[in-house]
C-alpha atoms as a PDB file:
ATOM      1  CA  MET A   1       0.000   0.000   0.000  1.00  0.00           C
ATOM      2  CA  ILE A   2       1.236   3.502  -0.839  1.00  0.00           C
ATOM      3  CA  ASP A   3       1.151   5.725   2.224  1.00  0.00           C
ATOM      4  CA  GLU A   4       1.952   9.012   0.517  1.00  0.00           C
ATOM      5  CA  ILE A   5       1.920  10.642  -2.899  1.00  0.00           C
ATOM      6  CA  ILE A   6       3.879  13.798  -3.717  1.00  0.00           C
ATOM      7  CA  THR A   7       2.417  16.175  -6.273  1.00  0.00           C
ATOM      8  CA  LEU A   8       3.568  19.629  -7.348  1.00  0.00           C
ATOM      9  CA  ALA A   9       1.285  21.593  -5.042  1.00  0.00           C
ATOM     10  CA  ARG A  10       0.523  19.254  -2.148  1.00  0.00           C
ATOM     11  CA  HIS A  11       1.825  16.412  -0.085  1.00  0.00           C
ATOM     12  CA  THR A  12      -1.006  13.895   0.299  1.00  0.00           C
ATOM     13  CA  VAL A  13      -0.819  11.550   3.257  1.00  0.00           C
ATOM     14  CA  ALA A  14      -3.132   8.596   3.945  1.00  0.00           C
ATOM     15  CA  SER A  15      -4.500  10.430   6.995  1.00  0.00           C
ATOM     16  CA  GLY A  16      -5.108  13.765   5.212  1.00  0.00           C
ATOM     17  CA  VAL A  17      -3.604  16.548   3.137  1.00  0.00           C
ATOM     18  CA  ALA A  18      -0.759  18.812   4.269  1.00  0.00           C
ATOM     19  CA  GLN A  19       1.054  21.594   2.430  1.00  0.00           C
ATOM     20  CA  LEU A  20       4.650  21.074   1.347  1.00  0.00           C
ATOM     21  CA  PRO A  21       7.089  23.320   3.179  1.00  0.00           C
ATOM     22  CA  ALA A  22       8.184  26.350   1.123  1.00  0.00           C
ATOM     23  CA  GLU A  23      11.699  24.932   0.642  1.00  0.00           C
ATOM     24  CA  GLY A  24      10.151  21.742  -0.789  1.00  0.00           C
ATOM     25  CA  VAL A  25       8.152  23.756  -3.314  1.00  0.00           C
ATOM     26  CA  ARG A  26      11.259  25.738  -4.315  1.00  0.00           C
ATOM     27  CA  MET A  27      13.224  22.509  -4.770  1.00  0.00           C
ATOM     28  CA  ILE A  28      10.513  21.068  -7.024  1.00  0.00           C
ATOM     29  CA  GLN A  29      10.406  24.313  -9.027  1.00  0.00           C
ATOM     30  CA  ARG A  30      14.204  24.234  -9.496  1.00  0.00           C
ATOM     31  CA  MET A  31      14.055  20.619 -10.649  1.00  0.00           C
ATOM     32  CA  MET A  32      11.276  21.430 -13.123  1.00  0.00           C
ATOM     33  CA  ILE A  33      13.149  24.459 -14.501  1.00  0.00           C
ATOM     34  CA  GLN A  34      16.319  22.386 -14.911  1.00  0.00           C
ATOM     35  CA  GLY A  35      14.323  19.751 -16.772  1.00  0.00           C
ATOM     36  CA  LEU A  36      12.717  22.396 -18.966  1.00  0.00           C
ATOM     37  CA  SER A  37      16.135  23.878 -19.763  1.00  0.00           C
ATOM     38  CA  ARG A  38      17.382  20.438 -20.848  1.00  0.00           C
ATOM     39  CA  GLN A  39      14.282  19.966 -23.000  1.00  0.00           C
ATOM     40  CA  PHE A  40      14.808  23.367 -24.683  1.00  0.00           C
ATOM     41  CA  ALA A  41      18.431  22.449 -25.427  1.00  0.00           C
ATOM     42  CA  GLU A  42      17.349  19.100 -26.893  1.00  0.00           C
ATOM     43  CA  SER A  43      14.669  20.870 -28.945  1.00  0.00           C
ATOM     44  CA  ASP A  44      17.286  23.237 -30.399  1.00  0.00           C
ATOM     45  CA  ARG A  45      19.593  20.318 -31.210  1.00  0.00           C
ATOM     46  CA  LEU A  46      16.801  18.401 -32.941  1.00  0.00           C
ATOM     47  CA  GLU A  47      15.647  21.474 -34.888  1.00  0.00           C
ATOM     48  CA  THR A  48      19.178  21.991 -36.213  1.00  0.00           C
ATOM     49  CA  ALA A  49      19.488  18.317 -37.198  1.00  0.00           C
ATOM     50  CA  ILE A  50      16.114  18.339 -38.959  1.00  0.00           C
ATOM     51  CA  LYS A  51      16.970  21.498 -40.900  1.00  0.00           C
ATOM     52  CA  GLN A  52      20.306  19.992 -41.962  1.00  0.00           C
ATOM     53  CA  ASN A  53      18.625  16.778 -43.079  1.00  0.00           C
ATOM     54  CA  LEU A  54      15.963  18.665 -45.024  1.00  0.00           C
ATOM     55  CA  GLY A  55      18.666  20.854 -46.591  1.00  0.00           C
ATOM     56  CA  GLY A  56      20.461  17.695 -47.696  1.00  0.00           C
ATOM     57  CA  LEU A  57      17.261  16.635 -49.442  1.00  0.00           C
ATOM     58  CA  GLY A  58      16.997  19.961 -51.262  1.00  0.00           C
ATOM     59  CA  TYR A  59      14.463  21.693 -49.024  1.00  0.00           C
ATOM     60  CA  ALA A  60      15.263  25.149 -47.677  1.00  0.00           C
ATOM     61  CA  CYS A  61      14.145  25.950 -44.133  1.00  0.00           C
END
């Protein structure tokens, strides 16, 4: 049985709902921003690769 589930806004416990401490929320926000930054970098890399591949096929982007 799962006793607790952590979500972005709340910490849900089997006996009720309690708010995450402010430092916990900030940590989650930092982790999400770091993940988003990695995803943006990967998006840029993929866009460049796609444009190069299309250029090699004779399509201008």
